[in-house]
Each structure stands twice: as structure tokens, then as C-alpha cells.
């Protein structure tokens, strides 16, 4: 019986983290930052929807149908979020450095734009939520592996 309560509690924590992370991704991508027109914004919007659905699913009686896949899925989501943040942080562009214009006056604008946006590229809130989701996914994966051994 104790194992069942632990599993339910782990799912609830996982669901809470998924819902908060997913909603944050959606709000960030669709908010006033204009990210929806970028690769990063579209990826975060899509991932946000998927993560929210997963979080809601974890709160239903059907969560057991996911079996051992929930932890690895959360790890996967978190890695996509972290890689996206790293690409935005490194390139200074929500398009990951792609699609930069060229031309005689594009050089000055491009370099100033990328310097200005490089400092704003990282979303520390998103990175922190991704780390929490990664930890949650690892805990869920380890928990299901230890329960299988019992």
C-alpha cells in the first residue's frame, strides 16, 4: 500500500512540474516577446502543449497506462527545453542564429542586434523549470525501476 501512495505522490509532483513548465512555455512563446514567429518560440509552444497534456494525464486514473514511460518522457522534454535555451543563449537569437540578413548596412544592424539580444536570450525561469523537470523525470524513472525490482 505504501508503494502505491508513493507512486501517486510522485505522479502528482511530476504533474505539477509538467503543468507549470508547460504553461510557462506557452505563455513565454505566445506572450508579448514576439517569439511565436521564431524557431524557438514555435518549439516552446508545441512542447508546452505536449507537456501540459502529459501533466493533466498524470492526474487522471489513466496515468498508469503510461507505465514506465512517464519519467523518460519528462527527461526528454527537459532536455529539449535546455538545448533550446542553450541555442538561444549561445546564438543570441530565437531563430538559433539562422536567417540573419546580409547587405551593406546589415552588418552593423546584425551585430548590434545580436549583442543586444544575446543578453536577453537566456530565459532563466525556463532553464530552472527544465532542470526541475529533469530531476522529476529521473526520480520517476528510478522509482519505477525500483518498484519493478520488488
C-alpha atoms as a PDB file:
ATOM      1  CA  UNK A   1       0.000   0.000   0.000  1.00  0.00           C
ATOM      2  CA  UNK A   2       2.863   2.374   0.826  1.00  0.00           C
ATOM      3  CA  UNK A   3       4.335   1.846  -2.631  1.00  0.00           C
ATOM      4  CA  UNK A   4       1.033   2.857  -4.224  1.00  0.00           C
ATOM      5  CA  UNK A   5       0.859   6.122  -2.228  1.00  0.00           C
ATOM      6  CA  UNK A   6       4.453   6.917  -3.127  1.00  0.00           C
ATOM      7  CA  UNK A   7       3.686   6.347  -6.799  1.00  0.00           C
ATOM      8  CA  UNK A   8       0.617   8.607  -6.606  1.00  0.00           C
ATOM      9  CA  UNK A   9       2.612  11.334  -4.836  1.00  0.00           C
ATOM     10  CA  UNK A  10       5.440  11.087  -7.374  1.00  0.00           C
ATOM     11  CA  UNK A  11       2.914  11.419 -10.197  1.00  0.00           C
ATOM     12  CA  UNK A  12       1.338  14.453  -8.517  1.00  0.00           C
ATOM     13  CA  UNK A  13       4.717  16.169  -8.199  1.00  0.00           C
ATOM     14  CA  UNK A  14       5.538  15.258 -11.792  1.00  0.00           C
ATOM     15  CA  UNK A  15       2.160  16.573 -12.931  1.00  0.00           C
ATOM     16  CA  UNK A  16       2.645  19.853 -11.033  1.00  0.00           C
ATOM     17  CA  UNK A  17       6.068  20.378 -12.577  1.00  0.00           C
ATOM     18  CA  UNK A  18       4.783  19.454 -16.051  1.00  0.00           C
ATOM     19  CA  UNK A  19       1.789  21.799 -15.778  1.00  0.00           C
ATOM     20  CA  UNK A  20       3.841  24.750 -14.545  1.00  0.00           C
ATOM     21  CA  UNK A  21       6.618  24.162 -17.095  1.00  0.00           C
ATOM     22  CA  UNK A  22       4.201  23.631 -19.957  1.00  0.00           C
ATOM     23  CA  UNK A  23       2.123  26.692 -19.131  1.00  0.00           C
ATOM     24  CA  UNK A  24       5.286  28.775 -18.718  1.00  0.00           C
ATOM     25  CA  UNK A  25       6.454  27.590 -22.151  1.00  0.00           C
ATOM     26  CA  UNK A  26       3.114  28.525 -23.690  1.00  0.00           C
ATOM     27  CA  UNK A  27       2.978  31.938 -22.026  1.00  0.00           C
ATOM     28  CA  UNK A  28       6.603  32.678 -22.950  1.00  0.00           C
ATOM     29  CA  UNK A  29       6.115  31.639 -26.554  1.00  0.00           C
ATOM     30  CA  UNK A  30       2.795  33.391 -27.101  1.00  0.00           C
ATOM     31  CA  UNK A  31       3.423  36.442 -24.901  1.00  0.00           C
ATOM     32  CA  UNK A  32       4.426  39.919 -25.958  1.00  0.00           C
ATOM     33  CA  UNK A  33       8.006  38.919 -26.779  1.00  0.00           C
ATOM     34  CA  UNK A  34       7.127  38.080 -30.380  1.00  0.00           C
ATOM     35  CA  UNK A  35       8.710  34.642 -30.093  1.00  0.00           C
ATOM     36  CA  UNK A  36       5.891  32.867 -31.977  1.00  0.00           C
ATOM     37  CA  UNK A  37       7.476  33.881 -35.267  1.00  0.00           C
ATOM     38  CA  UNK A  38      10.743  32.202 -34.301  1.00  0.00           C
ATOM     39  CA  UNK A  39      12.002  28.633 -34.278  1.00  0.00           C
ATOM     40  CA  UNK A  40      12.472  28.741 -30.518  1.00  0.00           C
ATOM     41  CA  UNK A  41       9.005  30.151 -29.885  1.00  0.00           C
ATOM     42  CA  UNK A  42       7.265  27.604 -32.079  1.00  0.00           C
ATOM     43  CA  UNK A  43       9.212  24.766 -30.443  1.00  0.00           C
ATOM     44  CA  UNK A  44       8.350  26.035 -26.957  1.00  0.00           C
ATOM     45  CA  UNK A  45       4.662  26.474 -27.851  1.00  0.00           C
ATOM     46  CA  UNK A  46       4.438  22.929 -29.239  1.00  0.00           C
ATOM     47  CA  UNK A  47       6.390  21.467 -26.334  1.00  0.00           C
ATOM     48  CA  UNK A  48       4.261  23.479 -23.890  1.00  0.00           C
ATOM     49  CA  UNK A  49       1.065  21.925 -25.245  1.00  0.00           C
ATOM     50  CA  UNK A  50       2.540  18.413 -25.098  1.00  0.00           C
ATOM     51  CA  UNK A  51       3.867  18.893 -21.552  1.00  0.00           C
ATOM     52  CA  UNK A  52       0.550  20.326 -20.300  1.00  0.00           C
ATOM     53  CA  UNK A  53      -1.349  17.359 -21.789  1.00  0.00           C
ATOM     54  CA  UNK A  54       1.131  14.979 -20.142  1.00  0.00           C
ATOM     55  CA  UNK A  55       0.730  16.784 -16.806  1.00  0.00           C
ATOM     56  CA  UNK A  56      -3.069  16.595 -16.976  1.00  0.00           C
ATOM     57  CA  UNK A  57      -2.840  12.931 -17.953  1.00  0.00           C
ATOM     58  CA  UNK A  58      -0.699  12.225 -14.860  1.00  0.00           C
ATOM     59  CA  UNK A  59      -3.568  13.479 -12.689  1.00  0.00           C
ATOM     60  CA  UNK A  60      -6.094  11.068 -14.176  1.00  0.00           C
ATOM     61  CA  UNK A  61      -6.718   7.422 -13.265  1.00  0.00           C
ATOM     62  CA  UNK A  62      -5.294   6.546 -16.705  1.00  0.00           C
ATOM     63  CA  UNK A  63      -1.779   7.633 -15.708  1.00  0.00           C
ATOM     64  CA  UNK A  64      -0.820   4.024 -15.042  1.00  0.00           C
ATOM     65  CA  UNK A  65      -1.274   3.329 -18.774  1.00  0.00           C
ATOM     66  CA  UNK A  66       1.902   5.299 -19.422  1.00  0.00           C
ATOM     67  CA  UNK A  67       3.699   2.710 -17.350  1.00  0.00           C
ATOM     68  CA  UNK A  68       7.406   3.399 -17.099  1.00  0.00           C
ATOM     69  CA  UNK A  69       7.398   5.910 -19.994  1.00  0.00           C
ATOM     70  CA  UNK A  70       6.448   8.993 -17.971  1.00  0.00           C
ATOM     71  CA  UNK A  71       9.881   9.544 -16.388  1.00  0.00           C
ATOM     72  CA  UNK A  72      11.836   9.189 -19.653  1.00  0.00           C
ATOM     73  CA  UNK A  73       9.301  11.460 -21.401  1.00  0.00           C
ATOM     74  CA  UNK A  74       9.875  14.161 -18.768  1.00  0.00           C
ATOM     75  CA  UNK A  75      13.633  13.752 -19.170  1.00  0.00           C
ATOM     76  CA  UNK A  76      13.207  14.162 -22.937  1.00  0.00           C
ATOM     77  CA  UNK A  77      11.050  17.285 -22.561  1.00  0.00           C
ATOM     78  CA  UNK A  78      13.556  18.840 -20.169  1.00  0.00           C
ATOM     79  CA  UNK A  79      16.484  18.145 -22.484  1.00  0.00           C
ATOM     80  CA  UNK A  80      14.649  19.783 -25.406  1.00  0.00           C
ATOM     81  CA  UNK A  81      13.953  22.814 -23.199  1.00  0.00           C
ATOM     82  CA  UNK A  82      17.589  23.018 -22.034  1.00  0.00           C
ATOM     83  CA  UNK A  83      19.013  22.568 -25.543  1.00  0.00           C
ATOM     84  CA  UNK A  84      16.661  25.258 -26.843  1.00  0.00           C
ATOM     85  CA  UNK A  85      17.782  27.635 -24.079  1.00  0.00           C
ATOM     86  CA  UNK A  86      21.436  26.854 -24.809  1.00  0.00           C
ATOM     87  CA  UNK A  87      20.948  27.548 -28.537  1.00  0.00           C
ATOM     88  CA  UNK A  88      19.172  30.823 -27.823  1.00  0.00           C
ATOM     89  CA  UNK A  89      21.812  31.809 -25.271  1.00  0.00           C
ATOM     90  CA  UNK A  90      24.771  30.933 -27.491  1.00  0.00           C
ATOM     91  CA  UNK A  91      23.431  32.381 -30.738  1.00  0.00           C
ATOM     92  CA  UNK A  92      21.619  35.323 -29.159  1.00  0.00           C
ATOM     93  CA  UNK A  93      18.707  34.613 -31.482  1.00  0.00           C
ATOM     94  CA  UNK A  94      15.393  32.848 -31.018  1.00  0.00           C
ATOM     95  CA  UNK A  95      15.956  31.553 -34.553  1.00  0.00           C
ATOM     96  CA  UNK A  96      19.185  29.966 -33.266  1.00  0.00           C
ATOM     97  CA  UNK A  97      21.317  32.280 -35.412  1.00  0.00           C
ATOM     98  CA  UNK A  98      19.605  31.317 -38.685  1.00  0.00           C
ATOM     99  CA  UNK A  99      18.143  33.711 -41.189  1.00  0.00           C
ATOM    100  CA  UNK A 100      20.428  36.668 -40.496  1.00  0.00           C
ATOM    101  CA  UNK A 101      20.170  39.221 -43.259  1.00  0.00           C
ATOM    102  CA  UNK A 102      23.170  40.327 -45.227  1.00  0.00           C
ATOM    103  CA  UNK A 103      23.901  43.526 -47.001  1.00  0.00           C
ATOM    104  CA  UNK A 104      25.930  46.677 -46.686  1.00  0.00           C
ATOM    105  CA  UNK A 105      24.053  48.064 -43.713  1.00  0.00           C
ATOM    106  CA  UNK A 106      23.055  44.601 -42.381  1.00  0.00           C
ATOM    107  CA  UNK A 107      26.463  44.099 -40.794  1.00  0.00           C
ATOM    108  CA  UNK A 108      26.079  46.894 -38.271  1.00  0.00           C
ATOM    109  CA  UNK A 109      22.449  46.111 -37.505  1.00  0.00           C
ATOM    110  CA  UNK A 110      23.109  42.377 -37.274  1.00  0.00           C
ATOM    111  CA  UNK A 111      25.976  42.745 -34.853  1.00  0.00           C
ATOM    112  CA  UNK A 112      24.199  45.298 -32.673  1.00  0.00           C
ATOM    113  CA  UNK A 113      21.004  43.255 -32.690  1.00  0.00           C
ATOM    114  CA  UNK A 114      22.770  40.099 -31.716  1.00  0.00           C
ATOM    115  CA  UNK A 115      24.703  41.878 -28.946  1.00  0.00           C
ATOM    116  CA  UNK A 116      21.509  43.332 -27.568  1.00  0.00           C
ATOM    117  CA  UNK A 117      19.543  40.076 -27.759  1.00  0.00           C
ATOM    118  CA  UNK A 118      22.396  37.879 -26.540  1.00  0.00           C
ATOM    119  CA  UNK A 119      21.910  39.188 -23.035  1.00  0.00           C
ATOM    120  CA  UNK A 120      18.176  38.550 -23.270  1.00  0.00           C
ATOM    121  CA  UNK A 121      18.476  35.135 -24.934  1.00  0.00           C
ATOM    122  CA  UNK A 122      18.571  33.007 -21.834  1.00  0.00           C
ATOM    123  CA  UNK A 123      15.312  32.556 -20.005  1.00  0.00           C
ATOM    124  CA  UNK A 124      16.497  31.580 -16.544  1.00  0.00           C
ATOM    125  CA  UNK A 125      12.947  30.715 -15.477  1.00  0.00           C
ATOM    126  CA  UNK A 126      12.625  28.269 -18.355  1.00  0.00           C
ATOM    127  CA  UNK A 127      16.036  26.780 -17.617  1.00  0.00           C
ATOM    128  CA  UNK A 128      15.179  26.372 -13.918  1.00  0.00           C
ATOM    129  CA  UNK A 129      11.869  24.670 -14.744  1.00  0.00           C
ATOM    130  CA  UNK A 130      13.665  22.400 -17.215  1.00  0.00           C
ATOM    131  CA  UNK A 131      16.150  21.371 -14.504  1.00  0.00           C
ATOM    132  CA  UNK A 132      13.253  20.634 -12.116  1.00  0.00           C
ATOM    133  CA  UNK A 133      11.564  18.605 -14.851  1.00  0.00           C
ATOM    134  CA  UNK A 134      14.810  16.718 -15.484  1.00  0.00           C
ATOM    135  CA  UNK A 135      15.135  15.878 -11.777  1.00  0.00           C
ATOM    136  CA  UNK A 136      11.464  14.840 -11.655  1.00  0.00           C
ATOM    137  CA  UNK A 137      11.922  12.602 -14.686  1.00  0.00           C
ATOM    138  CA  UNK A 138      14.985  10.953 -13.151  1.00  0.00           C
ATOM    139  CA  UNK A 139      13.102  10.377  -9.870  1.00  0.00           C
ATOM    140  CA  UNK A 140      10.106   8.930 -11.729  1.00  0.00           C
ATOM    141  CA  UNK A 141      12.384   6.671 -13.787  1.00  0.00           C
ATOM    142  CA  UNK A 142      14.313   5.466 -10.733  1.00  0.00           C
ATOM    143  CA  UNK A 143      11.082   4.954  -8.768  1.00  0.00           C
ATOM    144  CA  UNK A 144       9.516   2.789 -11.480  1.00  0.00           C
ATOM    145  CA  UNK A 145      12.753   0.786 -11.807  1.00  0.00           C
ATOM    146  CA  UNK A 146      12.932   0.143  -8.045  1.00  0.00           C
ATOM    147  CA  UNK A 147       9.227  -0.824  -7.921  1.00  0.00           C
ATOM    148  CA  UNK A 148       9.789  -3.315 -10.731  1.00  0.00           C
ATOM    149  CA  UNK A 149      12.514  -4.987  -8.654  1.00  0.00           C
ATOM    150  CA  UNK A 150      10.180  -5.509  -5.669  1.00  0.00           C
END
